[in-house]
Amino acid sequence: MRVLGLMSGTSVDGVDAAVADLKFEGDVLRMGLVGHNTLPWPGSLRDRILAVLAPAAASAGEICRLDRDLGVALGDLAVATLAELDARAVEL
């Protein structure tokens, strides 16, 4: 099975993407890395992420807008990574 994983760490510097092939050989799960990509957060989005972290107070509206904008950025990275790696058969 081919999978795409996305992750952003606590440094809030960007998002990492990886595509891997997973398969069971008996009871052992084997992974083969197809490729990876990194997209830095745009400066304004990074500033907004940092602005809502505790102990800061954030409105529900800003958290909802940020959630949407993060989803768009993650989607953009996923599409760019799949295109760059020519990885059309991602199942998960």
N, C-alpha and C. Protein backbone atom coordinates (compact mmCIF):
# COMPACT_ATOMS: atom_id res chain seq x y z
N MET A 1 0.84 -1.17 0.00
CA MET A 1 0.00 0.00 0.00
C MET A 1 0.89 1.24 0.00
N ARG A 2 0.57 2.20 -0.84
CA ARG A 2 1.32 3.45 -0.88
C ARG A 2 0.60 4.48 -0.02
N VAL A 3 1.37 5.15 0.86
CA VAL A 3 0.79 6.13 1.78
C VAL A 3 1.52 7.46 1.67
N LEU A 4 0.79 8.51 1.99
CA LEU A 4 1.33 9.86 2.06
C LEU A 4 1.17 10.34 3.49
N GLY A 5 2.25 10.80 4.10
CA GLY A 5 2.19 11.32 5.46
C GLY A 5 2.58 12.79 5.47
N LEU A 6 1.91 13.57 6.31
CA LEU A 6 2.20 14.99 6.47
C LEU A 6 2.44 15.27 7.94
N MET A 7 3.42 16.14 8.24
CA MET A 7 3.72 16.43 9.64
C MET A 7 4.36 17.80 9.78
N SER A 8 3.92 18.52 10.79
CA SER A 8 4.55 19.79 11.15
C SER A 8 5.00 19.67 12.59
N GLY A 9 6.21 20.06 12.86
CA GLY A 9 6.73 19.94 14.22
C GLY A 9 6.52 21.20 15.04
N THR A 10 7.06 21.17 16.24
CA THR A 10 6.87 22.27 17.19
C THR A 10 7.66 23.52 16.81
N SER A 11 8.59 23.43 15.88
CA SER A 11 9.34 24.61 15.46
C SER A 11 8.48 25.54 14.60
N VAL A 12 7.39 25.02 14.07
CA VAL A 12 6.44 25.77 13.24
C VAL A 12 7.17 26.40 12.04
N ASP A 13 8.16 25.70 11.51
CA ASP A 13 8.88 26.25 10.36
C ASP A 13 8.30 25.78 9.03
N GLY A 14 7.54 24.71 9.03
CA GLY A 14 6.96 24.22 7.79
C GLY A 14 6.33 22.86 7.98
N VAL A 15 6.03 22.24 6.85
CA VAL A 15 5.39 20.92 6.83
C VAL A 15 6.25 19.98 6.02
N ASP A 16 6.42 18.77 6.52
CA ASP A 16 7.14 17.72 5.81
C ASP A 16 6.13 16.73 5.25
N ALA A 17 6.42 16.23 4.07
CA ALA A 17 5.59 15.20 3.44
C ALA A 17 6.49 14.04 3.06
N ALA A 18 5.95 12.84 3.17
CA ALA A 18 6.69 11.65 2.75
C ALA A 18 5.71 10.68 2.10
N VAL A 19 6.18 10.02 1.06
CA VAL A 19 5.42 8.96 0.40
C VAL A 19 6.21 7.68 0.59
N ALA A 20 5.52 6.64 1.04
CA ALA A 20 6.19 5.37 1.30
C ALA A 20 5.32 4.21 0.83
N ASP A 21 5.97 3.13 0.47
CA ASP A 21 5.29 1.88 0.16
C ASP A 21 5.38 0.98 1.39
N LEU A 22 4.23 0.50 1.86
CA LEU A 22 4.18 -0.40 3.01
C LEU A 22 3.68 -1.77 2.55
N LYS A 23 4.31 -2.82 3.06
CA LYS A 23 3.80 -4.16 2.77
C LYS A 23 4.20 -5.11 3.88
N PHE A 24 3.33 -6.07 4.10
CA PHE A 24 3.62 -7.11 5.09
C PHE A 24 4.37 -8.25 4.41
N GLU A 25 5.41 -8.71 5.08
CA GLU A 25 6.10 -9.93 4.72
C GLU A 25 5.98 -10.84 5.92
N GLY A 26 4.98 -11.70 5.91
CA GLY A 26 4.66 -12.49 7.11
C GLY A 26 4.12 -11.54 8.16
N ASP A 27 4.75 -11.54 9.33
CA ASP A 27 4.33 -10.67 10.43
C ASP A 27 5.12 -9.37 10.49
N VAL A 28 5.97 -9.14 9.50
CA VAL A 28 6.83 -7.96 9.51
C VAL A 28 6.30 -6.93 8.51
N LEU A 29 6.17 -5.69 8.97
CA LEU A 29 5.77 -4.59 8.09
C LEU A 29 7.02 -3.94 7.53
N ARG A 30 7.14 -3.92 6.22
CA ARG A 30 8.29 -3.33 5.55
C ARG A 30 7.88 -1.98 4.95
N MET A 31 8.80 -1.01 5.01
CA MET A 31 8.54 0.29 4.44
C MET A 31 9.66 0.65 3.48
N GLY A 32 9.27 1.14 2.32
CA GLY A 32 10.24 1.67 1.36
C GLY A 32 9.88 3.11 1.05
N LEU A 33 10.80 4.02 1.29
CA LEU A 33 10.57 5.43 1.05
C LEU A 33 10.57 5.71 -0.46
N VAL A 34 9.49 6.31 -0.93
CA VAL A 34 9.40 6.71 -2.33
C VAL A 34 10.05 8.08 -2.50
N GLY A 35 9.76 8.99 -1.55
CA GLY A 35 10.35 10.32 -1.60
C GLY A 35 9.75 11.22 -0.55
N HIS A 36 10.28 12.43 -0.47
CA HIS A 36 9.79 13.37 0.54
C HIS A 36 9.91 14.80 0.02
N ASN A 37 9.26 15.72 0.73
CA ASN A 37 9.21 17.11 0.32
C ASN A 37 8.99 17.95 1.58
N THR A 38 9.40 19.20 1.54
CA THR A 38 9.16 20.13 2.65
C THR A 38 8.66 21.44 2.08
N LEU A 39 7.66 22.01 2.75
CA LEU A 39 7.12 23.31 2.36
C LEU A 39 7.17 24.22 3.58
N PRO A 40 7.93 25.30 3.51
CA PRO A 40 7.93 26.24 4.65
C PRO A 40 6.56 26.91 4.76
N TRP A 41 6.14 27.17 5.99
CA TRP A 41 4.92 27.95 6.17
C TRP A 41 5.18 29.36 5.65
N PRO A 42 4.25 29.93 4.90
CA PRO A 42 4.40 31.35 4.56
C PRO A 42 4.48 32.16 5.85
N GLY A 43 5.27 33.24 5.84
CA GLY A 43 5.50 34.03 7.05
C GLY A 43 4.24 34.45 7.77
N SER A 44 3.23 34.91 7.02
CA SER A 44 1.99 35.37 7.67
C SER A 44 1.24 34.22 8.34
N LEU A 45 1.25 33.03 7.72
CA LEU A 45 0.57 31.87 8.32
C LEU A 45 1.33 31.41 9.56
N ARG A 46 2.63 31.40 9.49
CA ARG A 46 3.45 31.03 10.66
C ARG A 46 3.17 31.98 11.82
N ASP A 47 3.10 33.27 11.52
CA ASP A 47 2.80 34.26 12.56
C ASP A 47 1.44 33.99 13.19
N ARG A 48 0.45 33.62 12.37
CA ARG A 48 -0.89 33.33 12.90
C ARG A 48 -0.89 32.08 13.77
N ILE A 49 -0.12 31.07 13.39
CA ILE A 49 -0.03 29.84 14.20
C ILE A 49 0.56 30.20 15.57
N LEU A 50 1.66 30.92 15.55
CA LEU A 50 2.31 31.28 16.81
C LEU A 50 1.42 32.17 17.68
N ALA A 51 0.60 32.99 17.05
CA ALA A 51 -0.25 33.93 17.80
C ALA A 51 -1.36 33.25 18.58
N VAL A 52 -1.74 32.01 18.20
CA VAL A 52 -2.83 31.34 18.92
C VAL A 52 -2.33 30.33 19.95
N LEU A 53 -1.03 30.15 20.05
CA LEU A 53 -0.49 29.20 21.02
C LEU A 53 -0.61 29.75 22.44
N ALA A 54 -0.84 28.86 23.39
CA ALA A 54 -0.93 29.25 24.80
C ALA A 54 0.35 29.93 25.22
N PRO A 55 0.27 30.92 26.04
CA PRO A 55 -0.88 31.37 26.81
C PRO A 55 -1.72 32.43 26.12
N ALA A 56 -1.51 32.66 24.83
CA ALA A 56 -2.28 33.67 24.11
C ALA A 56 -3.76 33.31 24.08
N ALA A 57 -4.58 34.33 24.04
CA ALA A 57 -6.02 34.13 23.87
C ALA A 57 -6.33 34.25 22.38
N ALA A 58 -7.15 33.37 21.85
CA ALA A 58 -7.52 33.40 20.44
C ALA A 58 -9.02 33.26 20.32
N SER A 59 -9.60 33.97 19.38
CA SER A 59 -11.05 33.86 19.17
C SER A 59 -11.36 32.57 18.42
N ALA A 60 -12.58 32.11 18.61
CA ALA A 60 -13.03 30.91 17.89
C ALA A 60 -12.99 31.16 16.39
N GLY A 61 -13.31 32.39 15.99
CA GLY A 61 -13.28 32.73 14.57
C GLY A 61 -11.89 32.59 13.98
N GLU A 62 -10.88 33.10 14.69
CA GLU A 62 -9.51 33.00 14.19
C GLU A 62 -9.04 31.56 14.16
N ILE A 63 -9.41 30.78 15.16
CA ILE A 63 -9.02 29.36 15.16
C ILE A 63 -9.67 28.64 13.98
N CYS A 64 -10.92 28.95 13.67
CA CYS A 64 -11.59 28.33 12.52
C CYS A 64 -10.94 28.75 11.20
N ARG A 65 -10.61 30.03 11.06
CA ARG A 65 -9.95 30.50 9.84
C ARG A 65 -8.57 29.85 9.69
N LEU A 66 -7.85 29.75 10.80
CA LEU A 66 -6.53 29.13 10.78
C LEU A 66 -6.64 27.66 10.42
N ASP A 67 -7.63 26.97 10.96
CA ASP A 67 -7.85 25.56 10.64
C ASP A 67 -8.07 25.38 9.13
N ARG A 68 -8.89 26.25 8.56
CA ARG A 68 -9.14 26.19 7.11
C ARG A 68 -7.86 26.46 6.33
N ASP A 69 -7.13 27.50 6.71
CA ASP A 69 -5.92 27.88 5.98
C ASP A 69 -4.82 26.83 6.11
N LEU A 70 -4.72 26.19 7.27
CA LEU A 70 -3.76 25.09 7.44
C LEU A 70 -4.15 23.91 6.55
N GLY A 71 -5.44 23.61 6.49
CA GLY A 71 -5.91 22.53 5.62
C GLY A 71 -5.58 22.78 4.16
N VAL A 72 -5.75 24.02 3.71
CA VAL A 72 -5.41 24.37 2.33
C VAL A 72 -3.91 24.20 2.10
N ALA A 73 -3.10 24.68 3.03
CA ALA A 73 -1.64 24.56 2.89
C ALA A 73 -1.22 23.09 2.86
N LEU A 74 -1.81 22.26 3.71
CA LEU A 74 -1.49 20.83 3.72
C LEU A 74 -1.92 20.16 2.42
N GLY A 75 -3.09 20.53 1.93
CA GLY A 75 -3.56 19.99 0.66
C GLY A 75 -2.64 20.38 -0.49
N ASP A 76 -2.20 21.64 -0.49
CA ASP A 76 -1.28 22.11 -1.53
C ASP A 76 0.03 21.31 -1.50
N LEU A 77 0.55 21.06 -0.31
CA LEU A 77 1.78 20.29 -0.19
C LEU A 77 1.56 18.85 -0.66
N ALA A 78 0.43 18.25 -0.30
CA ALA A 78 0.16 16.88 -0.72
C ALA A 78 0.11 16.79 -2.24
N VAL A 79 -0.61 17.72 -2.88
CA VAL A 79 -0.72 17.71 -4.34
C VAL A 79 0.65 17.93 -4.98
N ALA A 80 1.42 18.90 -4.47
CA ALA A 80 2.74 19.19 -5.03
C ALA A 80 3.68 17.99 -4.86
N THR A 81 3.63 17.35 -3.71
CA THR A 81 4.50 16.19 -3.46
C THR A 81 4.15 15.04 -4.38
N LEU A 82 2.87 14.74 -4.52
CA LEU A 82 2.47 13.64 -5.40
C LEU A 82 2.86 13.92 -6.84
N ALA A 83 2.73 15.17 -7.28
CA ALA A 83 3.11 15.52 -8.65
C ALA A 83 4.63 15.41 -8.83
N GLU A 84 5.37 15.93 -7.86
CA GLU A 84 6.83 15.92 -7.96
C GLU A 84 7.39 14.50 -7.98
N LEU A 85 6.78 13.62 -7.20
CA LEU A 85 7.26 12.23 -7.12
C LEU A 85 6.58 11.33 -8.14
N ASP A 86 5.64 11.88 -8.91
CA ASP A 86 4.87 11.08 -9.87
C ASP A 86 4.25 9.88 -9.16
N ALA A 87 3.71 10.13 -7.96
CA ALA A 87 3.15 9.05 -7.12
C ALA A 87 1.63 9.06 -7.23
N ARG A 88 1.12 8.48 -8.29
CA ARG A 88 -0.32 8.51 -8.55
C ARG A 88 -1.13 7.50 -7.76
N ALA A 89 -0.53 6.45 -7.31
CA ALA A 89 -1.29 5.34 -6.73
C ALA A 89 -1.35 5.40 -5.21
N VAL A 90 -1.37 6.58 -4.62
CA VAL A 90 -1.44 6.68 -3.16
C VAL A 90 -2.82 6.21 -2.71
N GLU A 91 -2.83 5.31 -1.72
CA GLU A 91 -4.08 4.74 -1.22
C GLU A 91 -4.49 5.30 0.13
N LEU A 92 -3.57 5.92 0.84
CA LEU A 92 -3.88 6.41 2.18
C LEU A 92 -3.09 7.67 2.43
